[in-house]
Amino acid sequence: MTTTSNSGGEDFGFGGLHHVQISIPPGAEALCRAFWGDLLGMTELQKPEVLAARGGCWFRGGGVEVHLGVEQDFHPAQKAHPGILVHALHRLAERLEEGGHEATWDGNFPGYDRFHTFDKLGNRLEFMERRPAA
């Protein structure tokens, strides 16, 4: 946990990231299940009843939680994206490409191998893996 001090001198700490939310259009849950559940192998979570009425779906895998929330005037994120740490990055890229999602490699992030891809709705995603120490 990282402790930070605000201007009032009170300390608080960051404990990690609980989830990332990505927007989807109304009625796109089946596409999300195919991508996040079937292709990536994440487990779908049951949304709390009060939130389930809004639509969307949630997934978890390897300590990463992704919430896919319905946005009425949906436009896919072309620049904004989650950066998801993975193991066996090249195998994930192969799996995504076999599923019809191009992996665009980018070696410009020091200490990491990474690529970008897009989900079935056009949202940009980044997957990355720390390079072994030389």
N, C-alpha and C. Protein backbone atom coordinates (compact mmCIF):
# COMPACT_ATOMS: atom_id res chain seq x y z
N MET A 1 0.83 -1.17 0.00
CA MET A 1 0.00 0.00 0.00
C MET A 1 0.88 1.23 0.00
N THR A 2 0.55 2.21 -0.81
CA THR A 2 1.29 3.45 -0.88
C THR A 2 0.58 4.51 -0.05
N THR A 3 1.30 5.18 0.85
CA THR A 3 0.71 6.22 1.67
C THR A 3 1.00 7.57 1.04
N THR A 4 -0.02 8.41 1.01
CA THR A 4 0.07 9.72 0.40
C THR A 4 -0.45 10.74 1.39
N SER A 5 0.03 11.95 1.32
CA SER A 5 -0.43 13.01 2.19
C SER A 5 -1.07 14.09 1.35
N ASN A 6 -2.25 14.56 1.75
CA ASN A 6 -2.88 15.67 1.03
C ASN A 6 -2.47 16.98 1.67
N SER A 7 -2.99 18.08 1.16
CA SER A 7 -2.57 19.39 1.66
C SER A 7 -2.95 19.60 3.12
N GLY A 8 -3.93 18.86 3.63
CA GLY A 8 -4.32 18.98 5.04
C GLY A 8 -3.45 18.16 5.96
N GLY A 9 -2.53 17.40 5.41
CA GLY A 9 -1.62 16.61 6.21
C GLY A 9 -2.16 15.24 6.60
N GLU A 10 -3.39 14.91 6.20
CA GLU A 10 -3.94 13.60 6.53
C GLU A 10 -3.43 12.56 5.55
N ASP A 11 -3.03 11.41 6.07
CA ASP A 11 -2.51 10.35 5.21
C ASP A 11 -3.62 9.41 4.77
N PHE A 12 -3.49 8.89 3.59
CA PHE A 12 -4.37 7.85 3.08
C PHE A 12 -3.52 6.96 2.22
N GLY A 13 -4.01 5.80 1.86
CA GLY A 13 -3.20 4.87 1.08
C GLY A 13 -3.94 4.29 -0.09
N PHE A 14 -3.21 3.98 -1.14
CA PHE A 14 -3.76 3.29 -2.30
C PHE A 14 -3.50 1.80 -2.12
N GLY A 15 -4.53 0.99 -2.27
CA GLY A 15 -4.39 -0.44 -2.04
C GLY A 15 -4.41 -1.27 -3.30
N GLY A 16 -4.60 -0.65 -4.45
CA GLY A 16 -4.69 -1.39 -5.70
C GLY A 16 -5.90 -0.91 -6.48
N LEU A 17 -6.12 -1.51 -7.60
CA LEU A 17 -7.25 -1.16 -8.46
C LEU A 17 -8.30 -2.26 -8.34
N HIS A 18 -9.52 -1.91 -7.99
CA HIS A 18 -10.59 -2.91 -7.83
C HIS A 18 -11.08 -3.40 -9.18
N HIS A 19 -11.35 -2.48 -10.09
CA HIS A 19 -11.85 -2.86 -11.41
C HIS A 19 -11.65 -1.71 -12.40
N VAL A 20 -11.82 -2.04 -13.65
CA VAL A 20 -11.85 -1.03 -14.70
C VAL A 20 -13.20 -1.18 -15.39
N GLN A 21 -13.81 -0.04 -15.74
CA GLN A 21 -15.09 -0.10 -16.44
C GLN A 21 -14.89 0.33 -17.88
N ILE A 22 -15.49 -0.44 -18.77
CA ILE A 22 -15.45 -0.17 -20.21
C ILE A 22 -16.89 -0.04 -20.68
N SER A 23 -17.15 0.95 -21.51
CA SER A 23 -18.50 1.17 -22.01
C SER A 23 -18.85 0.22 -23.14
N ILE A 24 -20.14 -0.14 -23.16
CA ILE A 24 -20.68 -0.98 -24.23
C ILE A 24 -22.04 -0.41 -24.64
N PRO A 25 -22.49 -0.69 -25.85
CA PRO A 25 -23.83 -0.22 -26.24
C PRO A 25 -24.91 -1.12 -25.65
N PRO A 26 -26.13 -0.62 -25.57
CA PRO A 26 -27.23 -1.47 -25.08
C PRO A 26 -27.33 -2.75 -25.91
N GLY A 27 -27.56 -3.86 -25.22
CA GLY A 27 -27.77 -5.14 -25.89
C GLY A 27 -26.53 -5.87 -26.35
N ALA A 28 -25.33 -5.42 -25.94
CA ALA A 28 -24.08 -6.02 -26.41
C ALA A 28 -23.51 -7.07 -25.46
N GLU A 29 -24.26 -7.48 -24.47
CA GLU A 29 -23.75 -8.42 -23.48
C GLU A 29 -23.28 -9.74 -24.10
N ALA A 30 -23.97 -10.24 -25.11
CA ALA A 30 -23.56 -11.51 -25.73
C ALA A 30 -22.19 -11.38 -26.38
N LEU A 31 -21.91 -10.25 -27.02
CA LEU A 31 -20.59 -10.03 -27.61
C LEU A 31 -19.52 -9.97 -26.52
N CYS A 32 -19.85 -9.36 -25.40
CA CYS A 32 -18.91 -9.27 -24.28
C CYS A 32 -18.63 -10.65 -23.70
N ARG A 33 -19.66 -11.46 -23.58
CA ARG A 33 -19.47 -12.82 -23.07
C ARG A 33 -18.59 -13.64 -24.00
N ALA A 34 -18.78 -13.45 -25.30
CA ALA A 34 -17.97 -14.18 -26.27
C ALA A 34 -16.50 -13.76 -26.18
N PHE A 35 -16.23 -12.48 -25.99
CA PHE A 35 -14.85 -11.99 -25.94
C PHE A 35 -14.21 -12.24 -24.58
N TRP A 36 -14.80 -11.68 -23.52
CA TRP A 36 -14.19 -11.74 -22.20
C TRP A 36 -14.30 -13.13 -21.56
N GLY A 37 -15.40 -13.79 -21.78
CA GLY A 37 -15.62 -15.11 -21.20
C GLY A 37 -15.05 -16.22 -22.04
N ASP A 38 -15.56 -16.36 -23.27
CA ASP A 38 -15.16 -17.49 -24.12
C ASP A 38 -13.73 -17.35 -24.63
N LEU A 39 -13.37 -16.21 -25.21
CA LEU A 39 -12.05 -16.05 -25.81
C LEU A 39 -10.95 -15.86 -24.76
N LEU A 40 -11.18 -14.96 -23.80
CA LEU A 40 -10.14 -14.70 -22.80
C LEU A 40 -10.22 -15.63 -21.60
N GLY A 41 -11.32 -16.33 -21.43
CA GLY A 41 -11.43 -17.29 -20.34
C GLY A 41 -11.68 -16.69 -18.98
N MET A 42 -12.16 -15.47 -18.91
CA MET A 42 -12.48 -14.86 -17.63
C MET A 42 -13.83 -15.39 -17.14
N THR A 43 -14.05 -15.33 -15.85
CA THR A 43 -15.28 -15.80 -15.23
C THR A 43 -16.27 -14.65 -15.11
N GLU A 44 -17.49 -14.88 -15.57
CA GLU A 44 -18.51 -13.85 -15.41
C GLU A 44 -18.99 -13.82 -13.97
N LEU A 45 -19.11 -12.62 -13.43
CA LEU A 45 -19.58 -12.42 -12.06
C LEU A 45 -21.05 -12.04 -12.08
N GLN A 46 -21.76 -12.41 -11.06
CA GLN A 46 -23.15 -11.98 -10.94
C GLN A 46 -23.14 -10.56 -10.40
N LYS A 47 -23.78 -9.65 -11.14
CA LYS A 47 -23.86 -8.27 -10.69
C LYS A 47 -24.87 -8.17 -9.54
N PRO A 48 -24.64 -7.25 -8.62
CA PRO A 48 -25.64 -7.02 -7.58
C PRO A 48 -26.98 -6.66 -8.24
N GLU A 49 -28.07 -7.13 -7.63
CA GLU A 49 -29.40 -6.96 -8.22
C GLU A 49 -29.69 -5.51 -8.59
N VAL A 50 -29.34 -4.59 -7.72
CA VAL A 50 -29.64 -3.18 -7.96
C VAL A 50 -28.89 -2.66 -9.20
N LEU A 51 -27.73 -3.24 -9.52
CA LEU A 51 -26.95 -2.81 -10.69
C LEU A 51 -27.27 -3.64 -11.93
N ALA A 52 -27.74 -4.86 -11.75
CA ALA A 52 -28.04 -5.73 -12.89
C ALA A 52 -29.12 -5.13 -13.78
N ALA A 53 -30.04 -4.36 -13.21
CA ALA A 53 -31.12 -3.76 -13.99
C ALA A 53 -30.59 -2.76 -15.02
N ARG A 54 -29.38 -2.28 -14.85
CA ARG A 54 -28.78 -1.32 -15.78
C ARG A 54 -28.21 -1.98 -17.03
N GLY A 55 -28.13 -3.31 -17.01
CA GLY A 55 -27.51 -4.03 -18.12
C GLY A 55 -26.02 -4.15 -17.92
N GLY A 56 -25.33 -4.66 -18.94
CA GLY A 56 -23.89 -4.86 -18.84
C GLY A 56 -23.56 -6.17 -18.16
N CYS A 57 -22.26 -6.43 -17.98
CA CYS A 57 -21.80 -7.64 -17.33
C CYS A 57 -20.40 -7.41 -16.78
N TRP A 58 -20.04 -8.24 -15.81
CA TRP A 58 -18.75 -8.13 -15.14
C TRP A 58 -17.99 -9.44 -15.28
N PHE A 59 -16.64 -9.33 -15.38
CA PHE A 59 -15.78 -10.50 -15.50
C PHE A 59 -14.57 -10.36 -14.60
N ARG A 60 -14.04 -11.52 -14.17
CA ARG A 60 -12.82 -11.54 -13.34
C ARG A 60 -11.93 -12.68 -13.79
N GLY A 61 -10.63 -12.43 -13.78
CA GLY A 61 -9.64 -13.45 -14.08
C GLY A 61 -8.28 -13.02 -13.59
N GLY A 62 -7.61 -13.87 -12.82
CA GLY A 62 -6.25 -13.57 -12.38
C GLY A 62 -6.11 -12.30 -11.57
N GLY A 63 -7.12 -11.94 -10.81
CA GLY A 63 -7.06 -10.72 -10.00
C GLY A 63 -7.47 -9.47 -10.75
N VAL A 64 -7.84 -9.59 -12.01
CA VAL A 64 -8.28 -8.46 -12.82
C VAL A 64 -9.80 -8.52 -12.91
N GLU A 65 -10.46 -7.40 -12.66
CA GLU A 65 -11.91 -7.35 -12.78
C GLU A 65 -12.29 -6.27 -13.80
N VAL A 66 -13.12 -6.66 -14.76
CA VAL A 66 -13.56 -5.76 -15.82
C VAL A 66 -15.08 -5.64 -15.74
N HIS A 67 -15.56 -4.41 -15.63
CA HIS A 67 -16.99 -4.14 -15.64
C HIS A 67 -17.34 -3.54 -16.99
N LEU A 68 -18.31 -4.13 -17.65
CA LEU A 68 -18.75 -3.64 -18.95
C LEU A 68 -20.12 -3.00 -18.73
N GLY A 69 -20.14 -1.66 -18.82
CA GLY A 69 -21.34 -0.91 -18.49
C GLY A 69 -22.01 -0.30 -19.70
N VAL A 70 -23.32 -0.37 -19.73
CA VAL A 70 -24.09 0.14 -20.85
C VAL A 70 -24.07 1.67 -20.87
N GLU A 71 -23.75 2.19 -22.03
CA GLU A 71 -23.77 3.63 -22.28
C GLU A 71 -24.70 3.87 -23.47
N GLN A 72 -25.75 4.62 -23.26
CA GLN A 72 -26.77 4.80 -24.30
C GLN A 72 -26.18 5.39 -25.58
N ASP A 73 -25.34 6.40 -25.46
CA ASP A 73 -24.73 7.03 -26.64
C ASP A 73 -23.30 6.49 -26.79
N PHE A 74 -23.18 5.19 -26.97
CA PHE A 74 -21.89 4.51 -26.97
C PHE A 74 -21.00 4.91 -28.15
N HIS A 75 -19.75 5.17 -27.84
CA HIS A 75 -18.68 5.35 -28.82
C HIS A 75 -17.47 4.61 -28.28
N PRO A 76 -16.90 3.66 -29.02
CA PRO A 76 -15.78 2.90 -28.49
C PRO A 76 -14.57 3.78 -28.20
N ALA A 77 -13.87 3.44 -27.15
CA ALA A 77 -12.65 4.18 -26.77
C ALA A 77 -11.54 3.82 -27.75
N GLN A 78 -11.03 4.79 -28.46
CA GLN A 78 -9.95 4.56 -29.41
C GLN A 78 -8.58 4.82 -28.79
N LYS A 79 -8.51 5.67 -27.79
CA LYS A 79 -7.24 5.99 -27.15
C LYS A 79 -7.22 5.48 -25.69
N ALA A 80 -8.26 5.81 -24.94
CA ALA A 80 -8.34 5.36 -23.54
C ALA A 80 -8.40 3.84 -23.52
N HIS A 81 -7.73 3.24 -22.53
CA HIS A 81 -7.70 1.78 -22.47
C HIS A 81 -7.18 1.31 -21.12
N PRO A 82 -7.56 0.10 -20.71
CA PRO A 82 -6.90 -0.50 -19.56
C PRO A 82 -5.59 -1.14 -20.01
N GLY A 83 -4.60 -1.13 -19.15
CA GLY A 83 -3.35 -1.84 -19.39
C GLY A 83 -3.35 -3.06 -18.49
N ILE A 84 -3.56 -4.23 -19.05
CA ILE A 84 -3.75 -5.44 -18.27
C ILE A 84 -2.47 -6.28 -18.29
N LEU A 85 -1.93 -6.54 -17.09
CA LEU A 85 -0.74 -7.38 -16.97
C LEU A 85 -1.14 -8.84 -17.13
N VAL A 86 -0.37 -9.57 -17.92
CA VAL A 86 -0.64 -10.98 -18.15
C VAL A 86 0.65 -11.79 -18.09
N HIS A 87 0.51 -13.10 -18.02
CA HIS A 87 1.61 -14.04 -18.16
C HIS A 87 1.44 -14.70 -19.52
N ALA A 88 2.52 -15.08 -20.16
CA ALA A 88 2.49 -15.72 -21.48
C ALA A 88 1.82 -14.81 -22.51
N LEU A 89 2.34 -13.60 -22.61
CA LEU A 89 1.79 -12.57 -23.48
C LEU A 89 1.70 -13.01 -24.94
N HIS A 90 2.73 -13.68 -25.44
CA HIS A 90 2.73 -14.10 -26.83
C HIS A 90 1.64 -15.15 -27.09
N ARG A 91 1.40 -16.01 -26.11
CA ARG A 91 0.33 -17.00 -26.27
C ARG A 91 -1.04 -16.31 -26.30
N LEU A 92 -1.22 -15.29 -25.47
CA LEU A 92 -2.47 -14.53 -25.49
C LEU A 92 -2.66 -13.86 -26.84
N ALA A 93 -1.59 -13.28 -27.39
CA ALA A 93 -1.69 -12.64 -28.71
C ALA A 93 -2.11 -13.66 -29.76
N GLU A 94 -1.53 -14.86 -29.71
CA GLU A 94 -1.91 -15.91 -30.66
C GLU A 94 -3.40 -16.26 -30.51
N ARG A 95 -3.84 -16.40 -29.28
CA ARG A 95 -5.24 -16.75 -29.02
C ARG A 95 -6.18 -15.68 -29.56
N LEU A 96 -5.83 -14.41 -29.30
CA LEU A 96 -6.67 -13.32 -29.80
C LEU A 96 -6.70 -13.30 -31.33
N GLU A 97 -5.53 -13.48 -31.96
CA GLU A 97 -5.48 -13.47 -33.41
C GLU A 97 -6.25 -14.65 -34.01
N GLU A 98 -6.17 -15.81 -33.35
CA GLU A 98 -6.97 -16.96 -33.80
C GLU A 98 -8.46 -16.65 -33.70
N GLY A 99 -8.83 -15.78 -32.76
CA GLY A 99 -10.21 -15.38 -32.58
C GLY A 99 -10.62 -14.17 -33.41
N GLY A 100 -9.71 -13.72 -34.29
CA GLY A 100 -10.05 -12.61 -35.18
C GLY A 100 -9.72 -11.23 -34.68
N HIS A 101 -8.86 -11.12 -33.65
CA HIS A 101 -8.49 -9.83 -33.09
C HIS A 101 -6.99 -9.59 -33.31
N GLU A 102 -6.65 -8.61 -34.10
CA GLU A 102 -5.25 -8.32 -34.41
C GLU A 102 -4.52 -7.80 -33.18
N ALA A 103 -3.32 -8.29 -32.96
CA ALA A 103 -2.44 -7.80 -31.90
C ALA A 103 -1.41 -6.88 -32.54
N THR A 104 -1.41 -5.62 -32.15
CA THR A 104 -0.46 -4.64 -32.67
C THR A 104 0.62 -4.42 -31.61
N TRP A 105 1.81 -4.94 -31.89
CA TRP A 105 2.91 -4.89 -30.92
C TRP A 105 3.52 -3.50 -30.87
N ASP A 106 3.97 -3.13 -29.65
CA ASP A 106 4.58 -1.82 -29.43
C ASP A 106 5.70 -2.01 -28.41
N GLY A 107 6.93 -1.78 -28.80
CA GLY A 107 8.07 -1.95 -27.91
C GLY A 107 8.50 -0.68 -27.21
N ASN A 108 7.62 0.30 -27.11
CA ASN A 108 8.00 1.60 -26.58
C ASN A 108 7.75 1.80 -25.09
N PHE A 109 7.42 0.76 -24.36
CA PHE A 109 7.17 0.87 -22.92
C PHE A 109 8.33 0.17 -22.22
N PRO A 110 9.26 0.93 -21.64
CA PRO A 110 10.47 0.33 -21.06
C PRO A 110 10.15 -0.76 -20.03
N GLY A 111 10.82 -1.88 -20.18
CA GLY A 111 10.71 -2.98 -19.24
C GLY A 111 9.56 -3.94 -19.50
N TYR A 112 8.76 -3.66 -20.52
CA TYR A 112 7.59 -4.50 -20.80
C TYR A 112 7.49 -4.82 -22.28
N ASP A 113 6.97 -6.00 -22.57
CA ASP A 113 6.48 -6.32 -23.91
C ASP A 113 4.98 -6.02 -23.85
N ARG A 114 4.44 -5.51 -24.95
CA ARG A 114 3.02 -5.19 -24.93
C ARG A 114 2.44 -5.16 -26.33
N PHE A 115 1.14 -5.30 -26.39
CA PHE A 115 0.43 -5.10 -27.64
C PHE A 115 -0.94 -4.51 -27.33
N HIS A 116 -1.51 -3.90 -28.37
CA HIS A 116 -2.87 -3.38 -28.29
C HIS A 116 -3.76 -4.20 -29.20
N THR A 117 -5.01 -4.28 -28.83
CA THR A 117 -6.03 -4.93 -29.65
C THR A 117 -7.33 -4.21 -29.37
N PHE A 118 -8.39 -4.65 -30.01
CA PHE A 118 -9.71 -4.07 -29.80
C PHE A 118 -10.69 -5.19 -29.49
N ASP A 119 -11.63 -4.93 -28.58
CA ASP A 119 -12.65 -5.93 -28.29
C ASP A 119 -13.66 -5.96 -29.45
N LYS A 120 -14.69 -6.77 -29.33
CA LYS A 120 -15.67 -6.93 -30.40
C LYS A 120 -16.49 -5.68 -30.65
N LEU A 121 -16.38 -4.69 -29.75
CA LEU A 121 -17.14 -3.44 -29.89
C LEU A 121 -16.27 -2.27 -30.31
N GLY A 122 -14.96 -2.53 -30.49
CA GLY A 122 -14.04 -1.48 -30.92
C GLY A 122 -13.32 -0.75 -29.81
N ASN A 123 -13.47 -1.19 -28.54
CA ASN A 123 -12.74 -0.58 -27.43
C ASN A 123 -11.28 -1.02 -27.46
N ARG A 124 -10.37 -0.10 -27.28
CA ARG A 124 -8.94 -0.38 -27.28
C ARG A 124 -8.54 -1.05 -25.96
N LEU A 125 -7.69 -2.06 -26.05
CA LEU A 125 -7.18 -2.78 -24.89
C LEU A 125 -5.69 -2.95 -25.02
N GLU A 126 -4.98 -2.87 -23.91
CA GLU A 126 -3.53 -3.11 -23.90
C GLU A 126 -3.23 -4.27 -22.97
N PHE A 127 -2.44 -5.21 -23.47
CA PHE A 127 -1.99 -6.35 -22.67
C PHE A 127 -0.47 -6.26 -22.60
N MET A 128 0.08 -6.46 -21.40
CA MET A 128 1.51 -6.28 -21.23
C MET A 128 2.09 -7.29 -20.25
N GLU A 129 3.41 -7.55 -20.43
CA GLU A 129 4.12 -8.48 -19.57
C GLU A 129 5.51 -7.92 -19.32
N ARG A 130 5.91 -7.96 -18.04
CA ARG A 130 7.25 -7.46 -17.67
C ARG A 130 8.30 -8.32 -18.35
N ARG A 131 9.31 -7.67 -18.93
CA ARG A 131 10.44 -8.40 -19.52
C ARG A 131 11.32 -8.95 -18.39
N PRO A 132 11.89 -10.13 -18.58
CA PRO A 132 12.82 -10.67 -17.57
C PRO A 132 14.02 -9.76 -17.43
N ALA A 133 14.53 -9.65 -16.22
CA ALA A 133 15.74 -8.85 -15.98
C ALA A 133 16.90 -9.45 -16.77
N ALA A 134 17.69 -8.58 -17.35
CA ALA A 134 18.82 -9.03 -18.18
C ALA A 134 19.98 -9.49 -17.35
